[in-house]
Amino acid sequence: MNNFLKITSNDNWFKQHPEKIAGVEYETTSFYFPIMVKGTKEDVLRVTGITEIKQEPTIEKQDNSRTPIELLRIIENGYQIAGVTRIDFEDNFKTIIYGTKVSATRISVIGKEVEPKEDYEFEKRNYNEEKSKNFDVEIRETLQSRLPNSEKIGIVKMLNQRKKHLPVIEKIILPFYEYHLGINPDKKKRIRLAKAKAKAIKVKLSLGQLGISIDTEAFRKMTVSELRKFTLAYYNENLKGKKVAIKNHLKEVVFVGGAGRKMLQPIYSEKVAVIQHLEELIKNSTYNNFGERKEKDSNDVLGYLNFKSKLTIDGAKRHVRISVILDRNRKTKLKTFEVGGNKKSGDLPKVAVASPKDGDKKPLL
C-alpha cells in the first residue's frame, strides 16, 4: 500500500515513466495545476501506441418515418439550440444521439429499469439548480477577480459550458427520459387548463359562439372550372408564403406554392368555402396520426403529419383533414386538406370529385 501511494502521489509515476508524457512539461502559477503539458496529436498517438485512427463503422440510422409526436417535438426544439446539428434515434427510439456530425452524445434506456428514473431525477435536479443561476454575472465576477489568468480562463470556460448545456437538458435530455418513463411534468397545469377550457366552451355553447360555421351557398352554383380558379387565386393571394403554428404540436406550418395546385384535385363547394378559414382551422387543429411516405414521393419526404379540425358547414357538424409534409430537414409544409363528414350522421352531403375532364360541369349539391 505504501508503495502504491508513493507511486501514485503527485507526478511520481511520470517521473519513473517519462516516455508516457505526451508533450513537454512546463510550470504554471496555478495552485491546482502547477505542472501542465503541451503536446501535439503525434505525441498523443506515440504515447497511446495508436498508429492509425480508424473511422468508426457507419451505423444504420433509425427509420424516423414513424417517430412518435413527442420525439418529433424533441427534434424540432433541439435544432433550435446553438451548436446542435444532429438528432437521430436508434434501437426502436430507445437511444438518442445529438450534437454535431463530428461530435455527438448518446443517451440510451436499453436494458435499464430503475436507472432511467434515477438519471432523469439527477438531470431534473441539476437543471432546476442551474436554471436559477446568472452565469453572465458569475463570468463577469470571475474576470474581475484576482485569480491568475490561467485559472480565470478555466473557470469561465466551465461556466460557459454549463450555460450552453442548459437548453440541451431542457429540450432534449429531459423530454427523452419523460417519454420513456411516461412522465408528464406539466400534468397538474394541463388539468387546470383543461378545466378552464371546458368552462369556456360551456360559456361559448350557451352563447352560440363555438367553432367556425361556414355557408356554401355562394359556391353551389359555380362550375368546376370556376371553383378551381377561385381556390387557386385565393390561395396565392392570401395564404402562399405564410406560416401558422399548431398549438402544442408544431411551431410552424408553411403554406408552400405547390399546395395551392394540390388542393384543386378533387374540388367541391365545401372545400372552396373552407379555404377562406383554412389558416384558423390549421391553427386550432389536433394531431390525428402519422402517414408513411409513398413510393412516388420525393426522397426528401419522411412522411406526413395528419391533423383534424372541427367546424360546421351548412348547419351540419363536419371536420377538415389536414396533411402536413415532414421533410428530412425537419421542415413542416402544408400538403393539402379535405373535408370529411360526421361519422355519427347517417347520410353525408354529396360532393363532387372533379377530374380534368369535368370541364365546366357543376359539382353535385
Protein backbone atom coordinates (compact mmCIF):
# COMPACT_ATOMS: atom_id res chain seq x y z
CA MET A 1 0.00 0.00 0.00
CA ASN A 2 2.83 2.41 0.85
CA ASN A 3 4.45 1.72 -2.49
CA PHE A 4 1.15 2.29 -4.27
CA LEU A 5 0.61 5.65 -2.52
CA LYS A 6 4.15 6.68 -3.24
CA ILE A 7 3.90 5.81 -6.93
CA THR A 8 0.52 7.48 -7.47
CA SER A 9 1.19 10.66 -5.46
CA ASN A 10 1.88 13.90 -7.33
CA ASP A 11 3.75 13.14 -10.56
CA ASN A 12 5.96 10.34 -9.23
CA TRP A 13 4.70 7.82 -11.78
CA PHE A 14 5.53 10.12 -14.69
CA LYS A 15 9.00 10.70 -13.25
CA GLN A 16 9.56 6.94 -13.47
CA HIS A 17 7.97 6.76 -16.95
CA PRO A 18 8.87 9.99 -18.79
CA GLU A 19 8.11 8.27 -22.10
CA LYS A 20 4.40 8.37 -21.17
CA ILE A 21 4.29 12.19 -21.14
CA ALA A 22 2.51 13.31 -24.32
CA GLY A 23 4.48 16.51 -24.89
CA VAL A 24 6.65 18.93 -22.93
CA GLU A 25 6.04 19.78 -19.25
CA TYR A 26 6.07 23.40 -18.07
CA GLU A 27 5.43 25.14 -14.76
CA THR A 28 2.43 27.39 -14.11
CA THR A 29 1.36 29.76 -11.36
CA SER A 30 -1.85 27.79 -10.76
CA PHE A 31 -2.30 26.33 -7.27
CA TYR A 32 -4.28 23.37 -8.62
CA PHE A 33 -2.23 22.71 -11.78
CA PRO A 34 1.39 23.66 -11.07
CA ILE A 35 2.66 21.41 -13.88
CA MET A 36 0.99 21.23 -17.30
CA VAL A 37 1.86 19.51 -20.55
CA LYS A 38 1.85 20.98 -24.03
CA GLY A 39 1.85 18.41 -26.81
CA THR A 40 0.68 17.59 -30.30
CA LYS A 41 -1.51 14.95 -31.87
CA GLU A 42 1.63 12.98 -32.76
CA ASP A 43 2.68 12.98 -29.07
CA VAL A 44 -0.68 11.50 -28.05
CA LEU A 45 -0.52 8.82 -30.77
CA ARG A 46 3.03 7.93 -29.70
CA VAL A 47 2.18 7.63 -26.00
CA THR A 48 -1.02 5.66 -26.53
CA GLY A 49 0.56 3.40 -29.12
CA ILE A 50 -2.08 4.22 -31.72
CA THR A 51 -0.58 4.46 -35.19
CA GLU A 52 -3.79 4.83 -37.16
CA ILE A 53 -7.17 6.26 -36.27
CA LYS A 54 -9.77 4.07 -37.92
CA GLN A 55 -13.02 5.60 -38.95
CA GLU A 56 -15.95 4.31 -36.92
CA PRO A 57 -18.21 1.92 -38.81
CA THR A 58 -21.32 3.53 -40.23
CA ILE A 59 -24.34 2.73 -38.10
CA GLU A 60 -27.61 2.36 -39.93
CA LYS A 61 -29.84 5.17 -38.74
CA GLN A 62 -33.26 4.62 -37.23
CA ASP A 63 -36.11 4.95 -39.70
CA ASN A 64 -37.70 8.11 -38.31
CA SER A 65 -40.77 7.91 -40.55
CA ARG A 66 -42.77 6.50 -37.61
CA THR A 67 -41.32 8.78 -34.97
CA PRO A 68 -43.84 9.44 -32.16
CA ILE A 69 -45.08 13.03 -31.98
CA GLU A 70 -43.36 13.54 -28.58
CA LEU A 71 -39.97 12.68 -30.10
CA LEU A 72 -40.66 14.82 -33.16
CA ARG A 73 -41.00 17.76 -30.75
CA ILE A 74 -37.53 16.92 -29.39
CA ILE A 75 -36.18 17.10 -32.95
CA GLU A 76 -37.97 20.38 -33.66
CA ASN A 77 -36.93 22.04 -30.39
CA GLY A 78 -33.44 20.52 -30.37
CA TYR A 79 -32.43 22.04 -33.70
CA GLN A 80 -33.13 25.48 -32.23
CA ILE A 81 -30.22 25.02 -29.81
CA ALA A 82 -26.98 26.66 -30.91
CA GLY A 83 -24.43 24.04 -31.94
CA VAL A 84 -26.89 21.15 -32.35
CA THR A 85 -26.89 19.99 -35.98
CA ARG A 86 -27.69 16.32 -35.49
CA ILE A 87 -30.52 14.48 -33.69
CA ASP A 88 -31.07 10.81 -34.50
CA PHE A 89 -32.76 7.83 -32.89
CA GLU A 90 -31.68 4.18 -32.80
CA ASP A 91 -32.78 0.91 -31.19
CA ASN A 92 -36.50 1.50 -31.76
CA PHE A 93 -36.24 5.05 -30.38
CA LYS A 94 -34.64 3.86 -27.12
CA THR A 95 -31.39 5.61 -27.98
CA ILE A 96 -30.98 9.27 -28.91
CA ILE A 97 -27.86 10.77 -30.50
CA TYR A 98 -27.47 14.55 -30.53
CA GLY A 99 -24.71 17.07 -31.16
CA THR A 100 -22.83 17.58 -34.41
CA LYS A 101 -21.70 15.26 -37.18
CA VAL A 102 -18.19 15.38 -35.73
CA SER A 103 -19.01 15.15 -32.01
CA ALA A 104 -22.22 13.65 -30.67
CA THR A 105 -23.60 12.47 -27.32
CA ARG A 106 -25.54 9.21 -26.98
CA ILE A 107 -28.20 8.51 -24.32
CA SER A 108 -29.95 5.16 -24.11
CA VAL A 109 -32.54 3.46 -21.90
CA ILE A 110 -31.83 -0.03 -23.24
CA GLY A 111 -31.60 -2.67 -20.52
CA LYS A 112 -32.48 -0.16 -17.81
CA GLU A 113 -35.40 -0.37 -15.42
CA VAL A 114 -34.54 1.72 -12.37
CA GLU A 115 -31.57 3.65 -13.76
CA PRO A 116 -33.51 5.81 -16.27
CA LYS A 117 -35.62 7.22 -13.46
CA GLU A 118 -32.51 7.92 -11.40
CA ASP A 119 -30.82 9.52 -14.43
CA TYR A 120 -33.93 11.60 -15.09
CA GLU A 121 -34.18 12.77 -11.47
CA PHE A 122 -30.49 13.67 -11.50
CA GLU A 123 -30.83 15.70 -14.72
CA LYS A 124 -34.04 17.34 -13.47
CA ARG A 125 -32.42 18.29 -10.16
CA ASN A 126 -29.35 19.60 -11.96
CA TYR A 127 -31.49 21.64 -14.35
CA ASN A 128 -33.58 23.18 -11.54
CA GLU A 129 -30.40 24.21 -9.71
CA GLU A 130 -28.62 25.60 -12.77
CA LYS A 131 -31.51 27.49 -14.39
CA SER A 132 -31.74 29.91 -11.44
CA LYS A 133 -28.09 30.91 -11.78
CA ASN A 134 -26.98 34.02 -13.62
CA PHE A 135 -23.93 32.71 -15.48
CA ASP A 136 -23.18 36.08 -17.08
CA VAL A 137 -22.79 37.64 -13.62
CA GLU A 138 -20.57 34.77 -12.43
CA ILE A 139 -18.39 35.09 -15.53
CA ARG A 140 -18.05 38.85 -15.02
CA GLU A 141 -17.15 38.41 -11.33
CA THR A 142 -14.57 35.76 -12.23
CA LEU A 143 -12.92 38.02 -14.80
CA GLN A 144 -12.81 40.87 -12.26
CA SER A 145 -11.32 38.67 -9.52
CA ARG A 146 -7.65 38.49 -8.52
CA LEU A 147 -7.23 34.89 -9.62
CA PRO A 148 -4.39 34.07 -12.02
CA ASN A 149 -5.38 34.42 -15.68
CA SER A 150 -4.93 30.70 -16.33
CA GLU A 151 -7.49 29.89 -13.62
CA LYS A 152 -9.87 32.58 -14.85
CA ILE A 153 -9.80 31.06 -18.32
CA GLY A 154 -10.58 27.61 -16.93
CA ILE A 155 -13.46 28.80 -14.74
CA VAL A 156 -15.00 30.96 -17.49
CA LYS A 157 -14.80 28.04 -19.91
CA MET A 158 -16.54 25.78 -17.41
CA LEU A 159 -19.30 28.36 -16.75
CA ASN A 160 -19.89 28.83 -20.47
CA GLN A 161 -20.19 25.06 -20.94
CA ARG A 162 -22.77 24.80 -18.14
CA LYS A 163 -24.72 27.73 -19.60
CA LYS A 164 -24.67 26.14 -23.07
CA HIS A 165 -25.78 22.76 -21.69
CA LEU A 166 -28.94 24.10 -20.00
CA PRO A 167 -31.13 24.20 -23.15
CA VAL A 168 -29.84 20.73 -24.07
CA ILE A 169 -31.13 19.36 -20.76
CA GLU A 170 -34.43 21.21 -21.13
CA LYS A 171 -35.23 20.44 -24.78
CA ILE A 172 -33.52 17.08 -25.42
CA ILE A 173 -32.46 15.09 -22.35
CA LEU A 174 -35.47 15.62 -20.04
CA PRO A 175 -38.14 15.13 -22.78
CA PHE A 176 -36.37 11.93 -23.92
CA TYR A 177 -36.47 10.41 -20.41
CA GLU A 178 -40.01 11.69 -19.84
CA TYR A 179 -41.23 9.95 -23.00
CA HIS A 180 -39.76 6.56 -21.98
CA LEU A 181 -40.77 6.88 -18.32
CA GLY A 182 -44.29 8.07 -19.16
CA ILE A 183 -43.78 11.23 -17.12
CA ASN A 184 -45.90 14.31 -17.75
CA PRO A 185 -44.13 17.19 -15.95
CA ASP A 186 -47.00 19.60 -16.60
CA LYS A 187 -49.85 17.26 -15.70
CA LYS A 188 -51.36 19.48 -12.98
CA LYS A 189 -51.02 22.55 -15.16
CA ARG A 190 -52.69 20.82 -18.09
CA ILE A 191 -55.54 19.57 -15.91
CA ARG A 192 -56.10 23.11 -14.65
CA LEU A 193 -56.02 24.50 -18.20
CA ALA A 194 -58.34 21.74 -19.43
CA LYS A 195 -60.89 22.61 -16.74
CA ALA A 196 -60.67 26.28 -17.65
CA LYS A 197 -61.04 25.43 -21.33
CA ALA A 198 -64.07 23.22 -20.62
CA LYS A 199 -65.66 26.06 -18.67
CA ALA A 200 -65.01 28.48 -21.54
CA ILE A 201 -66.53 26.01 -24.02
CA LYS A 202 -69.71 25.79 -21.91
CA VAL A 203 -69.97 29.58 -21.96
CA LYS A 204 -69.45 29.68 -25.74
CA LEU A 205 -72.01 26.94 -26.24
CA SER A 206 -74.56 28.89 -24.25
CA LEU A 207 -73.84 31.96 -26.40
CA GLY A 208 -73.70 30.02 -29.68
CA GLN A 209 -70.13 31.16 -30.33
CA LEU A 210 -68.32 27.80 -30.54
CA GLY A 211 -66.27 26.93 -33.62
CA ILE A 212 -66.24 28.08 -37.24
CA SER A 213 -69.51 28.00 -39.13
CA ILE A 214 -69.44 28.05 -42.95
CA ASP A 215 -72.16 28.55 -45.55
CA THR A 216 -71.55 27.13 -49.06
CA GLU A 217 -74.46 28.92 -50.80
CA ALA A 218 -72.13 31.30 -52.68
CA PHE A 219 -70.24 28.36 -54.26
CA ARG A 220 -73.00 25.85 -55.02
CA LYS A 221 -73.81 27.14 -58.49
CA MET A 222 -70.19 27.59 -59.58
CA THR A 223 -68.78 25.32 -62.28
CA VAL A 224 -65.76 23.11 -61.54
CA SER A 225 -63.52 25.48 -63.53
CA GLU A 226 -64.80 28.46 -61.54
CA LEU A 227 -64.22 26.65 -58.24
CA ARG A 228 -60.65 25.82 -59.24
CA LYS A 229 -59.97 29.36 -60.42
CA PHE A 230 -61.32 30.88 -57.19
CA THR A 231 -59.39 28.39 -54.98
CA LEU A 232 -56.02 28.92 -56.67
CA ALA A 233 -56.40 32.71 -56.78
CA TYR A 234 -57.42 32.91 -53.10
CA TYR A 235 -54.55 30.64 -52.00
CA ASN A 236 -51.87 32.51 -53.97
CA GLU A 237 -53.08 35.95 -52.88
CA ASN A 238 -53.91 35.28 -49.22
CA LEU A 239 -52.05 32.18 -47.99
CA LYS A 240 -49.00 31.37 -50.10
CA GLY A 241 -45.77 32.05 -48.18
CA LYS A 242 -47.49 32.40 -44.80
CA LYS A 243 -46.64 30.39 -41.67
CA VAL A 244 -49.00 29.29 -38.94
CA ALA A 245 -48.33 27.42 -35.68
CA ILE A 246 -50.41 24.50 -34.41
CA LYS A 247 -50.78 24.92 -30.66
CA ASN A 248 -48.97 22.23 -28.60
CA HIS A 249 -47.82 20.44 -31.78
CA LEU A 250 -45.88 22.38 -34.42
CA LYS A 251 -44.17 25.75 -34.29
CA GLU A 252 -44.88 26.39 -37.94
CA VAL A 253 -46.69 25.05 -40.98
CA VAL A 254 -45.55 26.74 -44.19
CA PHE A 255 -48.09 27.43 -46.95
CA VAL A 256 -45.91 26.39 -49.90
CA GLY A 257 -46.72 27.13 -53.52
CA GLY A 258 -47.36 23.52 -54.53
CA ALA A 259 -50.17 23.12 -52.01
CA GLY A 260 -52.40 25.53 -53.94
CA ARG A 261 -52.49 23.30 -57.02
CA LYS A 262 -52.71 20.14 -54.93
CA MET A 263 -56.00 21.42 -53.48
CA LEU A 264 -57.61 21.52 -56.93
CA GLN A 265 -57.94 17.73 -57.02
CA PRO A 266 -60.64 16.92 -56.00
CA ILE A 267 -62.67 20.14 -55.91
CA TYR A 268 -66.14 20.77 -54.42
CA SER A 269 -68.11 23.62 -52.91
CA GLU A 270 -67.46 22.72 -49.24
CA LYS A 271 -63.70 22.62 -49.86
CA VAL A 272 -63.70 26.01 -51.60
CA ALA A 273 -65.75 27.55 -48.78
CA VAL A 274 -63.32 26.16 -46.19
CA ILE A 275 -60.18 27.65 -47.77
CA GLN A 276 -61.24 31.11 -46.56
CA HIS A 277 -60.93 29.82 -42.97
CA LEU A 278 -58.03 27.41 -43.54
CA GLU A 279 -55.46 29.39 -41.57
CA GLU A 280 -57.62 29.40 -38.43
CA LEU A 281 -58.61 25.74 -38.85
CA ILE A 282 -54.96 24.65 -39.07
CA LYS A 283 -54.04 26.77 -36.05
CA ASN A 284 -56.70 25.07 -33.90
CA SER A 285 -56.34 21.54 -35.27
CA THR A 286 -55.40 18.45 -33.25
CA TYR A 287 -52.89 15.71 -34.12
CA ASN A 288 -54.50 12.62 -35.63
CA ASN A 289 -51.82 10.21 -36.94
CA PHE A 290 -48.63 9.80 -38.96
CA GLY A 291 -48.82 8.79 -42.62
CA GLU A 292 -45.97 6.94 -44.27
CA ARG A 293 -44.32 8.30 -47.39
CA LYS A 294 -45.38 6.87 -50.75
CA GLU A 295 -43.07 5.43 -53.39
CA LYS A 296 -43.77 8.31 -55.75
CA ASP A 297 -42.86 10.90 -53.10
CA SER A 298 -39.64 12.88 -53.25
CA ASN A 299 -36.66 11.44 -51.37
CA ASP A 300 -36.79 14.49 -49.10
CA VAL A 301 -40.17 13.43 -47.70
CA LEU A 302 -40.08 11.45 -44.43
CA GLY A 303 -43.85 11.18 -44.08
CA TYR A 304 -46.98 13.11 -43.26
CA LEU A 305 -48.32 14.56 -40.02
CA ASN A 306 -52.10 14.40 -40.21
CA PHE A 307 -54.31 16.77 -38.22
CA LYS A 308 -58.05 17.21 -37.82
CA SER A 309 -60.11 20.34 -37.20
CA LYS A 310 -63.86 20.53 -36.45
CA LEU A 311 -66.29 23.01 -37.94
CA THR A 312 -69.93 23.45 -39.04
CA ILE A 313 -70.87 23.54 -42.73
CA ASP A 314 -74.42 24.46 -43.71
CA GLY A 315 -75.57 23.65 -40.17
CA ALA A 316 -74.03 20.15 -40.10
CA LYS A 317 -71.04 19.14 -37.98
CA ARG A 318 -68.07 18.27 -40.19
CA HIS A 319 -64.28 18.11 -39.91
CA VAL A 320 -61.30 19.02 -42.05
CA ARG A 321 -58.41 16.58 -42.53
CA ILE A 322 -55.13 18.46 -42.88
CA SER A 323 -51.96 16.82 -44.23
CA VAL A 324 -48.55 18.33 -43.38
CA ILE A 325 -45.31 17.20 -45.06
CA LEU A 326 -42.36 16.38 -42.78
CA ASP A 327 -39.11 16.51 -44.78
CA ARG A 328 -35.57 15.39 -43.97
CA ASN A 329 -34.64 18.91 -42.88
CA ARG A 330 -37.42 18.69 -40.24
CA LYS A 331 -39.41 21.35 -42.08
CA THR A 332 -43.20 21.11 -41.91
CA LYS A 333 -45.10 22.23 -45.01
CA LEU A 334 -48.78 22.10 -45.92
CA LYS A 335 -49.60 19.40 -48.46
CA THR A 336 -53.39 19.69 -48.80
CA PHE A 337 -56.69 19.32 -46.97
CA GLU A 338 -60.03 17.57 -47.45
CA VAL A 339 -63.46 17.99 -45.88
CA GLY A 340 -64.76 14.92 -44.09
CA GLY A 341 -68.23 14.02 -42.87
CA ASN A 342 -69.52 13.43 -39.37
CA LYS A 343 -69.34 9.68 -38.75
CA LYS A 344 -72.27 9.87 -36.35
CA SER A 345 -74.61 11.23 -39.02
CA GLY A 346 -76.45 8.88 -41.35
CA ASP A 347 -76.29 10.49 -44.79
CA LEU A 348 -73.34 12.69 -45.60
CA PRO A 349 -73.73 15.57 -48.04
CA LYS A 350 -72.62 14.58 -51.53
CA VAL A 351 -69.56 16.24 -53.00
CA ALA A 352 -68.07 16.22 -56.47
CA VAL A 353 -64.76 14.53 -57.11
CA ALA A 354 -63.72 16.58 -60.09
CA SER A 355 -61.21 15.47 -62.70
CA PRO A 356 -59.59 17.42 -65.57
CA LYS A 357 -62.28 16.05 -67.90
CA ASP A 358 -65.13 17.67 -65.96
CA GLY A 359 -64.70 20.97 -67.73
CA ASP A 360 -67.49 23.34 -66.79
CA LYS A 361 -69.70 20.75 -65.11
CA LYS A 362 -71.27 21.87 -61.88
CA PRO A 363 -70.44 19.96 -58.67
CA LEU A 364 -73.08 17.80 -57.03
CA LEU A 365 -75.06 19.59 -54.31
